[in-house]
Amino acid sequence: MWGPPGGEKRRILSGMRPTARLHLGNLEGALRLWTELQHEQECFFLIADWHALTTGYQHTDRHRALVREMALDWLAAGLDPKASVIFVQSDVPAHAELALLLSMITPVPWLERSVTYKEWLSEPEVARAAGLGLLGYPVLQAADILLYRATEVPVGKDQSQHIEMTRDIAGRFNHLFGEVFPEPEARHSEHPILPGTDGRKMSATQGNAIYLGDPAGVIERKVSSMFTDPAKVYKGDKGHPERCPVFALHGCYTRARLAEIRDGCSSGALGCVECKTELAGAVVAGLAPFRRRREALAADPGALEDILEDGARKARGVSEETLARVRDAMGLWPRAT
């Protein structure tokens, strides 16, 4: 079975849709893990701008700006272009060709059973505008992964079904045409789901996110408004940290004091106002190095373009090799040279 060249390292691929500003959930749920993996394994990280069109093709006025903002955030968070391949999906045409070929062998009922697809269709505005790209989203995602013969895909638990479908598509292709693709495994971070200010999963669409670009004052206001344990109304009331969104964020930003905060909340010695104030200060301090790196990167737009161009060049090299194997396995007409 083809896999990572030489077998020295397993190959990682992951990405994000540039549909909104990034928030703490993106940082803690994905980027922290990515920055660790890039020094351990061969990593490809794509800004999935074609995927952004599946639910947002009517609103592309900020499309390019969001791609650029995402690239800056990734680099500021610690992704290193010398240690990983960072690129924009649409800069590598092979993604579209492989998605087309995989769509020929993917049964429609597989796509219709997608939990994400059903969730999207439950939103009237999305359902009215849904196109073929929305139904075929898992096929394009499978192409993104299989194009680099990735063996692991860091994703949130809510994306696990897509990885299973990618495995199914890879297995079906290998059964029909011979062993070309490894079947990738999902990999979850230590903090796969971070609660937002209202206790639900932090999300730009829910309006409950603390964004990486929020000024200190905005972060303080958002943290002060966060939901807490409803049973703990006054200082002195015994709390239940395991059900408190504020405590969940403490798990990321005040780990050295986590046991003390848990005990203080549980005993009633620590009030919610004091708890939130400490969290806000820790979040602001934790993001300070990120902000400094981002400001420096934003001041040199030419360097950012060079990084993305170099990443696309490296990605095209691997993707064209895979695509040649796919075309040969399927017995397609040789590409004209």
C-alpha atoms as a PDB file:
ATOM      1  CA  MET A   1       0.000   0.000   0.000  1.00  0.00           C
ATOM      2  CA  TRP A   2       1.281   3.467  -0.853  1.00  0.00           C
ATOM      3  CA  GLY A   3       1.782   5.748   2.080  1.00  0.00           C
ATOM      4  CA  PRO A   4       4.275   8.308   3.309  1.00  0.00           C
ATOM      5  CA  PRO A   5       7.522   8.127   1.310  1.00  0.00           C
ATOM      6  CA  GLY A   6      10.123   5.911   2.926  1.00  0.00           C
ATOM      7  CA  GLY A   7       7.887   5.192   5.892  1.00  0.00           C
ATOM      8  CA  GLU A   8      10.001   7.321   8.245  1.00  0.00           C
ATOM      9  CA  LYS A   9       7.059   9.368   9.498  1.00  0.00           C
ATOM     10  CA  ARG A  10       3.314   9.111   9.439  1.00  0.00           C
ATOM     11  CA  ARG A  11       1.673  11.844   7.419  1.00  0.00           C
ATOM     12  CA  ILE A  12      -0.799  14.331   8.887  1.00  0.00           C
ATOM     13  CA  LEU A  13      -3.341  16.461   7.029  1.00  0.00           C
ATOM     14  CA  SER A  14      -5.840  18.880   8.478  1.00  0.00           C
ATOM     15  CA  GLY A  15      -7.451  22.187   7.592  1.00  0.00           C
ATOM     16  CA  MET A  16     -10.063  24.814   8.357  1.00  0.00           C
ATOM     17  CA  ARG A  17     -12.694  26.677   6.375  1.00  0.00           C
ATOM     18  CA  PRO A  18     -12.001  30.431   6.244  1.00  0.00           C
ATOM     19  CA  THR A  19     -15.544  31.489   7.030  1.00  0.00           C
ATOM     20  CA  ALA A  20     -14.979  33.610  10.148  1.00  0.00           C
ATOM     21  CA  ARG A  21     -12.316  34.943  12.498  1.00  0.00           C
ATOM     22  CA  LEU A  22     -10.610  32.313  14.618  1.00  0.00           C
ATOM     23  CA  HIS A  23     -11.415  31.995  18.318  1.00  0.00           C
ATOM     24  CA  LEU A  24     -10.099  30.243  21.425  1.00  0.00           C
ATOM     25  CA  GLY A  25     -11.846  27.018  20.425  1.00  0.00           C
ATOM     26  CA  ASN A  26      -9.832  26.903  17.194  1.00  0.00           C
ATOM     27  CA  LEU A  27      -6.616  27.666  19.053  1.00  0.00           C
ATOM     28  CA  GLU A  28      -7.040  25.117  21.837  1.00  0.00           C
ATOM     29  CA  GLY A  29      -8.965  22.507  19.868  1.00  0.00           C
ATOM     30  CA  ALA A  30      -6.720  22.393  16.800  1.00  0.00           C
ATOM     31  CA  LEU A  31      -3.790  24.770  16.487  1.00  0.00           C
ATOM     32  CA  ARG A  32      -2.079  23.743  19.729  1.00  0.00           C
ATOM     33  CA  LEU A  33      -2.054  20.138  18.544  1.00  0.00           C
ATOM     34  CA  TRP A  34      -0.933  21.066  15.020  1.00  0.00           C
ATOM     35  CA  THR A  35       2.077  22.985  16.310  1.00  0.00           C
ATOM     36  CA  GLU A  36       3.159  19.917  18.287  1.00  0.00           C
ATOM     37  CA  LEU A  37       2.600  17.454  15.463  1.00  0.00           C
ATOM     38  CA  GLN A  38       4.608  19.437  12.906  1.00  0.00           C
ATOM     39  CA  HIS A  39       7.810  18.582  14.761  1.00  0.00           C
ATOM     40  CA  GLU A  40       6.944  14.898  15.076  1.00  0.00           C
ATOM     41  CA  GLN A  41       5.420  13.959  11.732  1.00  0.00           C
ATOM     42  CA  GLU A  42       5.127  15.129   8.131  1.00  0.00           C
ATOM     43  CA  CYS A  43       2.295  17.679   8.161  1.00  0.00           C
ATOM     44  CA  PHE A  44       0.133  19.357   5.523  1.00  0.00           C
ATOM     45  CA  PHE A  45      -2.274  22.112   6.616  1.00  0.00           C
ATOM     46  CA  LEU A  46      -4.701  23.574   4.110  1.00  0.00           C
ATOM     47  CA  ILE A  47      -6.878  26.658   4.210  1.00  0.00           C
ATOM     48  CA  ALA A  48     -10.003  25.077   2.745  1.00  0.00           C
ATOM     49  CA  ASP A  49     -11.316  27.985   0.714  1.00  0.00           C
ATOM     50  CA  TRP A  50     -13.364  25.804  -1.664  1.00  0.00           C
ATOM     51  CA  HIS A  51     -15.101  24.238   1.321  1.00  0.00           C
ATOM     52  CA  ALA A  52     -16.044  27.741   2.470  1.00  0.00           C
ATOM     53  CA  LEU A  53     -18.221  28.022  -0.638  1.00  0.00           C
ATOM     54  CA  THR A  54     -20.425  25.055   0.257  1.00  0.00           C
ATOM     55  CA  THR A  55     -22.507  27.192   2.616  1.00  0.00           C
ATOM     56  CA  GLY A  56     -21.281  30.668   1.725  1.00  0.00           C
ATOM     57  CA  TYR A  57     -21.046  30.992  -2.034  1.00  0.00           C
ATOM     58  CA  GLN A  58     -23.401  33.986  -1.990  1.00  0.00           C
ATOM     59  CA  HIS A  59     -21.108  35.966   0.316  1.00  0.00           C
ATOM     60  CA  THR A  60     -17.572  36.079  -1.051  1.00  0.00           C
ATOM     61  CA  ASP A  61     -16.830  39.769  -0.517  1.00  0.00           C
ATOM     62  CA  ARG A  62     -14.500  38.922   2.419  1.00  0.00           C
ATOM     63  CA  HIS A  63     -13.297  35.593   1.065  1.00  0.00           C
ATOM     64  CA  ARG A  64      -9.739  36.661   0.242  1.00  0.00           C
ATOM     65  CA  ALA A  65      -9.396  38.685   3.427  1.00  0.00           C
ATOM     66  CA  LEU A  66     -10.494  35.726   5.563  1.00  0.00           C
ATOM     67  CA  VAL A  67      -7.961  33.451   3.833  1.00  0.00           C
ATOM     68  CA  ARG A  68      -5.219  35.936   4.625  1.00  0.00           C
ATOM     69  CA  GLU A  69      -6.396  36.408   8.222  1.00  0.00           C
ATOM     70  CA  MET A  70      -6.444  32.658   8.771  1.00  0.00           C
ATOM     71  CA  ALA A  71      -2.912  32.278   7.430  1.00  0.00           C
ATOM     72  CA  LEU A  72      -1.698  35.014   9.784  1.00  0.00           C
ATOM     73  CA  ASP A  73      -3.428  33.388  12.744  1.00  0.00           C
ATOM     74  CA  TRP A  74      -1.938  29.997  11.955  1.00  0.00           C
ATOM     75  CA  LEU A  75       1.588  31.364  11.713  1.00  0.00           C
ATOM     76  CA  ALA A  76       1.175  33.495  14.835  1.00  0.00           C
ATOM     77  CA  ALA A  77      -0.062  30.417  16.716  1.00  0.00           C
ATOM     78  CA  GLY A  78       3.187  28.643  15.894  1.00  0.00           C
ATOM     79  CA  LEU A  79       2.796  26.798  12.604  1.00  0.00           C
ATOM     80  CA  ASP A  80       6.239  26.815  11.015  1.00  0.00           C
ATOM     81  CA  PRO A  81       6.517  26.771   7.188  1.00  0.00           C
ATOM     82  CA  LYS A  82       9.936  25.146   7.587  1.00  0.00           C
ATOM     83  CA  ALA A  83       8.426  22.266   9.552  1.00  0.00           C
ATOM     84  CA  SER A  84       5.071  21.835   7.767  1.00  0.00           C
ATOM     85  CA  VAL A  85       3.407  22.536   4.429  1.00  0.00           C
ATOM     86  CA  ILE A  86       0.917  25.424   4.709  1.00  0.00           C
ATOM     87  CA  PHE A  87      -1.163  26.223   1.634  1.00  0.00           C
ATOM     88  CA  VAL A  88      -4.488  27.365   0.204  1.00  0.00           C
ATOM     89  CA  GLN A  89      -6.677  24.566  -1.153  1.00  0.00           C
ATOM     90  CA  SER A  90      -7.574  26.311  -4.422  1.00  0.00           C
ATOM     91  CA  ASP A  91      -3.870  26.772  -5.227  1.00  0.00           C
ATOM     92  CA  VAL A  92      -3.689  23.004  -5.802  1.00  0.00           C
ATOM     93  CA  PRO A  93      -6.028  22.029  -8.693  1.00  0.00           C
ATOM     94  CA  ALA A  94      -5.534  18.304  -8.036  1.00  0.00           C
ATOM     95  CA  HIS A  95      -8.010  18.590  -5.141  1.00  0.00           C
ATOM     96  CA  ALA A  96     -10.819  19.270  -7.608  1.00  0.00           C
ATOM     97  CA  GLU A  97      -9.778  16.494 -10.020  1.00  0.00           C
ATOM     98  CA  LEU A  98      -9.524  13.833  -7.331  1.00  0.00           C
ATOM     99  CA  ALA A  99     -12.850  14.950  -5.838  1.00  0.00           C
ATOM    100  CA  LEU A 100     -14.460  14.482  -9.263  1.00  0.00           C
ATOM    101  CA  LEU A 101     -12.987  11.000  -9.675  1.00  0.00           C
ATOM    102  CA  LEU A 102     -13.978   9.945  -6.151  1.00  0.00           C
ATOM    103  CA  SER A 103     -17.507  11.270  -6.705  1.00  0.00           C
ATOM    104  CA  MET A 104     -17.909   8.682  -9.481  1.00  0.00           C
ATOM    105  CA  ILE A 105     -17.571   5.811  -6.991  1.00  0.00           C
ATOM    106  CA  THR A 106     -19.235   7.304  -3.889  1.00  0.00           C
ATOM    107  CA  PRO A 107     -22.849   6.130  -3.405  1.00  0.00           C
ATOM    108  CA  VAL A 108     -25.310   8.984  -2.932  1.00  0.00           C
ATOM    109  CA  PRO A 109     -26.931   7.312   0.137  1.00  0.00           C
ATOM    110  CA  TRP A 110     -23.569   7.587   1.921  1.00  0.00           C
ATOM    111  CA  LEU A 111     -23.685  11.350   1.445  1.00  0.00           C
ATOM    112  CA  GLU A 112     -27.327  11.693   2.432  1.00  0.00           C
ATOM    113  CA  ARG A 113     -26.617   9.948   5.749  1.00  0.00           C
ATOM    114  CA  SER A 114     -24.035  12.575   6.718  1.00  0.00           C
ATOM    115  CA  VAL A 115     -24.932  14.059  10.102  1.00  0.00           C
ATOM    116  CA  THR A 116     -23.362  17.391   9.128  1.00  0.00           C
ATOM    117  CA  TYR A 117     -25.402  17.511   5.912  1.00  0.00           C
ATOM    118  CA  LYS A 118     -28.614  16.895   7.851  1.00  0.00           C
ATOM    119  CA  GLU A 119     -27.703  19.582  10.375  1.00  0.00           C
ATOM    120  CA  TRP A 120     -27.053  22.096   7.605  1.00  0.00           C
ATOM    121  CA  LEU A 121     -30.367  21.297   5.933  1.00  0.00           C
ATOM    122  CA  SER A 122     -32.160  21.895   9.231  1.00  0.00           C
ATOM    123  CA  GLU A 123     -31.309  25.585   8.816  1.00  0.00           C
ATOM    124  CA  PRO A 124     -33.943  27.052   6.434  1.00  0.00           C
ATOM    125  CA  GLU A 125     -31.622  29.627   4.874  1.00  0.00           C
ATOM    126  CA  VAL A 126     -28.962  27.003   4.116  1.00  0.00           C
ATOM    127  CA  ALA A 127     -31.516  24.461   2.874  1.00  0.00           C
ATOM    128  CA  ARG A 128     -33.004  26.951   0.389  1.00  0.00           C
ATOM    129  CA  ALA A 129     -29.602  27.727  -1.108  1.00  0.00           C
ATOM    130  CA  ALA A 130     -28.032  24.246  -0.872  1.00  0.00           C
ATOM    131  CA  GLY A 131     -26.126  23.152  -3.945  1.00  0.00           C
ATOM    132  CA  LEU A 132     -24.447  19.978  -5.114  1.00  0.00           C
ATOM    133  CA  GLY A 133     -21.260  21.113  -3.382  1.00  0.00           C
ATOM    134  CA  LEU A 134     -22.968  20.862   0.012  1.00  0.00           C
ATOM    135  CA  LEU A 135     -24.080  17.279  -0.591  1.00  0.00           C
ATOM    136  CA  GLY A 136     -20.658  16.388  -1.954  1.00  0.00           C
ATOM    137  CA  TYR A 137     -18.739  18.090   0.861  1.00  0.00           C
ATOM    138  CA  PRO A 138     -17.476  14.752   2.288  1.00  0.00           C
ATOM    139  CA  VAL A 139     -16.118  13.716  -1.129  1.00  0.00           C
ATOM    140  CA  LEU A 140     -14.067  16.884  -1.465  1.00  0.00           C
ATOM    141  CA  GLN A 141     -12.887  16.422   2.108  1.00  0.00           C
ATOM    142  CA  ALA A 142     -11.897  12.847   1.317  1.00  0.00           C
ATOM    143  CA  ALA A 143      -9.972  14.116  -1.705  1.00  0.00           C
ATOM    144  CA  ASP A 144      -8.146  16.642   0.504  1.00  0.00           C
ATOM    145  CA  ILE A 145      -6.988  13.837   2.786  1.00  0.00           C
ATOM    146  CA  LEU A 146      -6.326  11.066   0.292  1.00  0.00           C
ATOM    147  CA  LEU A 147      -4.471  13.319  -2.133  1.00  0.00           C
ATOM    148  CA  TYR A 148      -1.586  13.418   0.363  1.00  0.00           C
ATOM    149  CA  ARG A 149      -2.024   9.764   1.408  1.00  0.00           C
ATOM    150  CA  ALA A 150      -2.462  11.004   4.967  1.00  0.00           C
ATOM    151  CA  THR A 151      -2.467   8.441   7.744  1.00  0.00           C
ATOM    152  CA  GLU A 152      -3.892  10.681  10.486  1.00  0.00           C
ATOM    153  CA  VAL A 153      -6.308  13.608  10.478  1.00  0.00           C
ATOM    154  CA  PRO A 154      -6.567  15.856  13.557  1.00  0.00           C
ATOM    155  CA  VAL A 155     -10.251  16.814  13.806  1.00  0.00           C
ATOM    156  CA  GLY A 156     -12.903  17.610  16.352  1.00  0.00           C
ATOM    157  CA  LYS A 157     -15.074  14.733  17.489  1.00  0.00           C
ATOM    158  CA  ASP A 158     -17.978  16.212  15.539  1.00  0.00           C
ATOM    159  CA  GLN A 159     -15.993  15.570  12.349  1.00  0.00           C
ATOM    160  CA  SER A 160     -15.303  11.906  13.046  1.00  0.00           C
ATOM    161  CA  GLN A 161     -18.040  10.747  10.676  1.00  0.00           C
ATOM    162  CA  HIS A 162     -16.308  12.507   7.785  1.00  0.00           C
ATOM    163  CA  ILE A 163     -13.103  10.615   8.522  1.00  0.00           C
ATOM    164  CA  GLU A 164     -15.061   7.363   8.594  1.00  0.00           C
ATOM    165  CA  MET A 165     -16.520   8.244   5.198  1.00  0.00           C
ATOM    166  CA  THR A 166     -13.045   9.015   3.906  1.00  0.00           C
ATOM    167  CA  ARG A 167     -11.970   5.570   5.060  1.00  0.00           C
ATOM    168  CA  ASP A 168     -14.989   4.042   3.318  1.00  0.00           C
ATOM    169  CA  ILE A 169     -14.225   5.900   0.081  1.00  0.00           C
ATOM    170  CA  ALA A 170     -10.554   4.912   0.235  1.00  0.00           C
ATOM    171  CA  GLY A 171     -11.501   1.291   0.879  1.00  0.00           C
ATOM    172  CA  ARG A 172     -13.980   1.293  -1.996  1.00  0.00           C
ATOM    173  CA  PHE A 173     -11.410   2.768  -4.372  1.00  0.00           C
ATOM    174  CA  ASN A 174      -8.760   0.255  -3.296  1.00  0.00           C
ATOM    175  CA  HIS A 175     -11.233  -2.606  -3.757  1.00  0.00           C
ATOM    176  CA  LEU A 176     -12.180  -1.464  -7.258  1.00  0.00           C
ATOM    177  CA  PHE A 177      -8.808  -0.393  -8.611  1.00  0.00           C
ATOM    178  CA  GLY A 178      -6.051  -1.750  -6.366  1.00  0.00           C
ATOM    179  CA  GLU A 179      -4.262  -0.479  -3.269  1.00  0.00           C
ATOM    180  CA  VAL A 180      -3.540   3.225  -3.690  1.00  0.00           C
ATOM    181  CA  PHE A 181      -4.739   4.934  -0.504  1.00  0.00           C
ATOM    182  CA  PRO A 182      -4.071   4.322   3.193  1.00  0.00           C
ATOM    183  CA  GLU A 183      -7.202   4.505   5.334  1.00  0.00           C
ATOM    184  CA  PRO A 184      -6.613   7.467   7.687  1.00  0.00           C
ATOM    185  CA  GLU A 185      -7.375   7.584  11.391  1.00  0.00           C
ATOM    186  CA  ALA A 186      -8.958  10.505  13.244  1.00  0.00           C
ATOM    187  CA  ARG A 187      -6.892  12.144  15.980  1.00  0.00           C
ATOM    188  CA  HIS A 188      -8.427  14.343  18.670  1.00  0.00           C
ATOM    189  CA  SER A 189      -6.746  17.032  20.728  1.00  0.00           C
ATOM    190  CA  GLU A 190      -6.708  17.225  24.527  1.00  0.00           C
ATOM    191  CA  HIS A 191      -9.327  20.005  24.337  1.00  0.00           C
ATOM    192  CA  PRO A 192     -11.537  18.989  21.388  1.00  0.00           C
ATOM    193  CA  ILE A 193     -14.535  21.093  22.466  1.00  0.00           C
ATOM    194  CA  LEU A 194     -14.234  24.410  24.283  1.00  0.00           C
ATOM    195  CA  PRO A 195     -17.377  26.028  25.726  1.00  0.00           C
ATOM    196  CA  GLY A 196     -18.395  29.510  24.643  1.00  0.00           C
ATOM    197  CA  THR A 197     -19.703  32.307  26.809  1.00  0.00           C
ATOM    198  CA  ASP A 198     -23.173  30.716  26.927  1.00  0.00           C
ATOM    199  CA  GLY A 199     -21.961  27.226  27.779  1.00  0.00           C
ATOM    200  CA  ARG A 200     -22.537  25.783  24.307  1.00  0.00           C
ATOM    201  CA  LYS A 201     -19.658  24.790  22.046  1.00  0.00           C
ATOM    202  CA  MET A 202     -17.671  27.905  21.140  1.00  0.00           C
ATOM    203  CA  SER A 203     -18.614  28.876  17.597  1.00  0.00           C
ATOM    204  CA  ALA A 204     -18.597  31.985  15.455  1.00  0.00           C
ATOM    205  CA  THR A 205     -22.090  31.140  14.200  1.00  0.00           C
ATOM    206  CA  GLN A 206     -23.463  30.918  17.770  1.00  0.00           C
ATOM    207  CA  GLY A 207     -22.216  34.377  18.717  1.00  0.00           C
ATOM    208  CA  ASN A 208     -20.572  33.003  21.855  1.00  0.00           C
ATOM    209  CA  ALA A 209     -16.906  33.100  20.841  1.00  0.00           C
ATOM    210  CA  ILE A 210     -13.895  34.816  22.352  1.00  0.00           C
ATOM    211  CA  TYR A 211     -11.844  35.695  19.290  1.00  0.00           C
ATOM    212  CA  LEU A 212      -8.071  35.655  19.062  1.00  0.00           C
ATOM    213  CA  GLY A 213      -8.212  39.234  17.833  1.00  0.00           C
ATOM    214  CA  ASP A 214     -10.450  40.560  20.629  1.00  0.00           C
ATOM    215  CA  PRO A 215      -8.832  43.429  22.581  1.00  0.00           C
ATOM    216  CA  ALA A 216      -8.204  42.940  26.291  1.00  0.00           C
ATOM    217  CA  GLY A 217     -11.273  44.955  27.271  1.00  0.00           C
ATOM    218  CA  VAL A 218     -13.540  42.883  25.028  1.00  0.00           C
ATOM    219  CA  ILE A 219     -12.142  39.643  26.447  1.00  0.00           C
ATOM    220  CA  GLU A 220     -12.756  40.898  29.976  1.00  0.00           C
ATOM    221  CA  ARG A 221     -16.361  41.833  29.159  1.00  0.00           C
ATOM    222  CA  LYS A 222     -17.044  38.499  27.470  1.00  0.00           C
ATOM    223  CA  VAL A 223     -15.582  36.474  30.322  1.00  0.00           C
ATOM    224  CA  SER A 224     -17.509  38.503  32.897  1.00  0.00           C
ATOM    225  CA  SER A 225     -20.745  37.677  31.060  1.00  0.00           C
ATOM    226  CA  MET A 226     -20.091  33.932  30.909  1.00  0.00           C
ATOM    227  CA  PHE A 227     -22.586  31.430  32.232  1.00  0.00           C
ATOM    228  CA  THR A 228     -21.519  29.648  35.413  1.00  0.00           C
ATOM    229  CA  ASP A 229     -22.870  26.900  37.630  1.00  0.00           C
ATOM    230  CA  PRO A 230     -26.538  27.891  38.200  1.00  0.00           C
ATOM    231  CA  ALA A 231     -26.393  26.377  41.696  1.00  0.00           C
ATOM    232  CA  LYS A 232     -23.676  28.816  42.754  1.00  0.00           C
ATOM    233  CA  VAL A 233     -25.365  32.192  43.042  1.00  0.00           C
ATOM    234  CA  TYR A 234     -23.336  33.833  45.810  1.00  0.00           C
ATOM    235  CA  LYS A 235     -19.806  33.563  47.101  1.00  0.00           C
ATOM    236  CA  GLY A 236     -20.011  30.955  49.816  1.00  0.00           C
ATOM    237  CA  ASP A 237     -22.316  28.719  47.798  1.00  0.00           C
ATOM    238  CA  LYS A 238     -20.698  25.405  46.968  1.00  0.00           C
ATOM    239  CA  GLY A 239     -20.123  25.079  43.255  1.00  0.00           C
ATOM    240  CA  HIS A 240     -19.735  22.235  40.758  1.00  0.00           C
ATOM    241  CA  PRO A 241     -16.675  23.036  38.614  1.00  0.00           C
ATOM    242  CA  GLU A 242     -17.266  20.123  36.243  1.00  0.00           C
ATOM    243  CA  ARG A 243     -20.443  21.763  34.952  1.00  0.00           C
ATOM    244  CA  CYS A 244     -19.074  25.337  34.747  1.00  0.00           C
ATOM    245  CA  PRO A 245     -17.867  26.750  31.373  1.00  0.00           C
ATOM    246  CA  VAL A 246     -15.562  29.181  33.182  1.00  0.00           C
ATOM    247  CA  PHE A 247     -13.756  26.312  34.881  1.00  0.00           C
ATOM    248  CA  ALA A 248     -13.396  24.531  31.526  1.00  0.00           C
ATOM    249  CA  LEU A 249     -11.491  27.559  30.198  1.00  0.00           C
ATOM    250  CA  HIS A 250      -9.379  27.647  33.340  1.00  0.00           C
ATOM    251  CA  GLY A 251      -8.258  24.173  32.256  1.00  0.00           C
ATOM    252  CA  CYS A 252      -6.487  25.803  29.313  1.00  0.00           C
ATOM    253  CA  TYR A 253      -5.196  29.048  30.814  1.00  0.00           C
ATOM    254  CA  THR A 254      -4.547  28.559  34.539  1.00  0.00           C
ATOM    255  CA  ARG A 255      -3.418  24.958  34.725  1.00  0.00           C
ATOM    256  CA  ALA A 256      -0.896  25.638  37.482  1.00  0.00           C
ATOM    257  CA  ARG A 257      -3.734  26.751  39.769  1.00  0.00           C
ATOM    258  CA  LEU A 258      -6.429  24.446  38.507  1.00  0.00           C
ATOM    259  CA  ALA A 259      -6.605  22.295  41.641  1.00  0.00           C
ATOM    260  CA  GLU A 260      -6.839  25.391  43.873  1.00  0.00           C
ATOM    261  CA  ILE A 261      -9.576  26.892  41.705  1.00  0.00           C
ATOM    262  CA  ARG A 262     -11.513  23.625  41.752  1.00  0.00           C
ATOM    263  CA  ASP A 263     -11.274  23.375  45.530  1.00  0.00           C
ATOM    264  CA  GLY A 264     -12.187  27.032  46.007  1.00  0.00           C
ATOM    265  CA  CYS A 265     -15.248  26.716  43.810  1.00  0.00           C
ATOM    266  CA  SER A 266     -16.369  23.445  45.390  1.00  0.00           C
ATOM    267  CA  SER A 267     -16.009  24.772  48.942  1.00  0.00           C
ATOM    268  CA  GLY A 268     -17.563  28.155  48.197  1.00  0.00           C
ATOM    269  CA  ALA A 269     -14.415  30.059  49.145  1.00  0.00           C
ATOM    270  CA  LEU A 270     -13.963  31.303  45.578  1.00  0.00           C
ATOM    271  CA  GLY A 271     -16.677  33.553  44.159  1.00  0.00           C
ATOM    272  CA  CYS A 272     -17.636  33.602  40.472  1.00  0.00           C
ATOM    273  CA  VAL A 273     -16.620  37.252  39.972  1.00  0.00           C
ATOM    274  CA  GLU A 274     -13.145  36.595  41.326  1.00  0.00           C
ATOM    275  CA  CYS A 275     -12.919  33.401  39.292  1.00  0.00           C
ATOM    276  CA  LYS A 276     -13.857  35.193  36.074  1.00  0.00           C
ATOM    277  CA  THR A 277     -11.471  38.074  36.736  1.00  0.00           C
ATOM    278  CA  GLU A 278      -8.567  35.674  37.102  1.00  0.00           C
ATOM    279  CA  LEU A 279      -9.578  33.814  33.936  1.00  0.00           C
ATOM    280  CA  ALA A 280      -9.849  37.008  31.880  1.00  0.00           C
ATOM    281  CA  GLY A 281      -6.373  38.095  32.968  1.00  0.00           C
ATOM    282  CA  ALA A 282      -4.954  34.669  32.145  1.00  0.00           C
ATOM    283  CA  VAL A 283      -6.528  34.646  28.673  1.00  0.00           C
ATOM    284  CA  VAL A 284      -5.230  38.141  27.879  1.00  0.00           C
ATOM    285  CA  ALA A 285      -1.736  37.210  29.094  1.00  0.00           C
ATOM    286  CA  GLY A 286      -1.840  33.898  27.241  1.00  0.00           C
ATOM    287  CA  LEU A 287      -2.685  35.597  23.945  1.00  0.00           C
ATOM    288  CA  ALA A 288      -0.049  38.347  24.288  1.00  0.00           C
ATOM    289  CA  PRO A 289       2.763  36.422  22.498  1.00  0.00           C
ATOM    290  CA  PHE A 290       0.316  35.457  19.748  1.00  0.00           C
ATOM    291  CA  ARG A 291      -0.632  39.104  19.218  1.00  0.00           C
ATOM    292  CA  ARG A 292       2.993  40.229  18.998  1.00  0.00           C
ATOM    293  CA  ARG A 293       3.853  37.581  16.416  1.00  0.00           C
ATOM    294  CA  ARG A 294       0.746  38.362  14.401  1.00  0.00           C
ATOM    295  CA  GLU A 295       1.470  42.090  14.264  1.00  0.00           C
ATOM    296  CA  ALA A 296       4.980  41.375  12.984  1.00  0.00           C
ATOM    297  CA  LEU A 297       3.673  38.987  10.314  1.00  0.00           C
ATOM    298  CA  ALA A 298       0.959  41.385   9.182  1.00  0.00           C
ATOM    299  CA  ALA A 299       3.572  44.095   8.677  1.00  0.00           C
ATOM    300  CA  ASP A 300       5.238  42.021   5.927  1.00  0.00           C
ATOM    301  CA  PRO A 301       2.507  40.855   3.494  1.00  0.00           C
ATOM    302  CA  GLY A 302       5.072  39.821   0.902  1.00  0.00           C
ATOM    303  CA  ALA A 303       6.541  37.243   3.270  1.00  0.00           C
ATOM    304  CA  LEU A 304       3.084  35.758   3.866  1.00  0.00           C
ATOM    305  CA  GLU A 305       2.487  35.404   0.131  1.00  0.00           C
ATOM    306  CA  ASP A 306       5.868  33.709  -0.271  1.00  0.00           C
ATOM    307  CA  ILE A 307       5.022  31.199   2.477  1.00  0.00           C
ATOM    308  CA  LEU A 308       1.698  30.280   0.861  1.00  0.00           C
ATOM    309  CA  GLU A 309       3.225  30.059  -2.609  1.00  0.00           C
ATOM    310  CA  ASP A 310       6.001  27.798  -1.357  1.00  0.00           C
ATOM    311  CA  GLY A 311       3.483  25.644   0.467  1.00  0.00           C
ATOM    312  CA  ALA A 312       1.341  25.327  -2.656  1.00  0.00           C
ATOM    313  CA  ARG A 313       4.384  24.325  -4.699  1.00  0.00           C
ATOM    314  CA  LYS A 314       5.266  21.552  -2.234  1.00  0.00           C
ATOM    315  CA  ALA A 315       1.632  20.413  -2.038  1.00  0.00           C
ATOM    316  CA  ARG A 316       1.334  20.295  -5.834  1.00  0.00           C
ATOM    317  CA  GLY A 317       4.399  18.068  -6.034  1.00  0.00           C
ATOM    318  CA  VAL A 318       2.894  15.442  -3.718  1.00  0.00           C
ATOM    319  CA  SER A 319      -0.632  15.787  -5.079  1.00  0.00           C
ATOM    320  CA  GLU A 320       0.370  15.335  -8.715  1.00  0.00           C
ATOM    321  CA  GLU A 321       2.271  12.177  -7.807  1.00  0.00           C
ATOM    322  CA  THR A 322      -0.815  10.755  -6.093  1.00  0.00           C
ATOM    323  CA  LEU A 323      -3.086  11.807  -8.947  1.00  0.00           C
ATOM    324  CA  ALA A 324      -0.837  10.082 -11.475  1.00  0.00           C
ATOM    325  CA  ARG A 325      -1.170   6.861  -9.470  1.00  0.00           C
ATOM    326  CA  VAL A 326      -4.946   7.277  -9.297  1.00  0.00           C
ATOM    327  CA  ARG A 327      -5.262   7.845 -13.050  1.00  0.00           C
ATOM    328  CA  ASP A 328      -3.063   4.834 -13.760  1.00  0.00           C
ATOM    329  CA  ALA A 329      -4.992   2.610 -11.344  1.00  0.00           C
ATOM    330  CA  MET A 330      -8.298   3.628 -12.952  1.00  0.00           C
ATOM    331  CA  GLY A 331      -6.952   3.057 -16.457  1.00  0.00           C
ATOM    332  CA  LEU A 332      -7.640   6.619 -17.551  1.00  0.00           C
ATOM    333  CA  TRP A 333      -6.253   8.109 -20.730  1.00  0.00           C
ATOM    334  CA  PRO A 334      -2.664   9.267 -20.203  1.00  0.00           C
ATOM    335  CA  ARG A 335      -2.401  12.968 -19.523  1.00  0.00           C
ATOM    336  CA  ALA A 336      -1.066  14.935 -22.487  1.00  0.00           C
ATOM    337  CA  THR A 337       2.375  16.448 -21.932  1.00  0.00           C
END
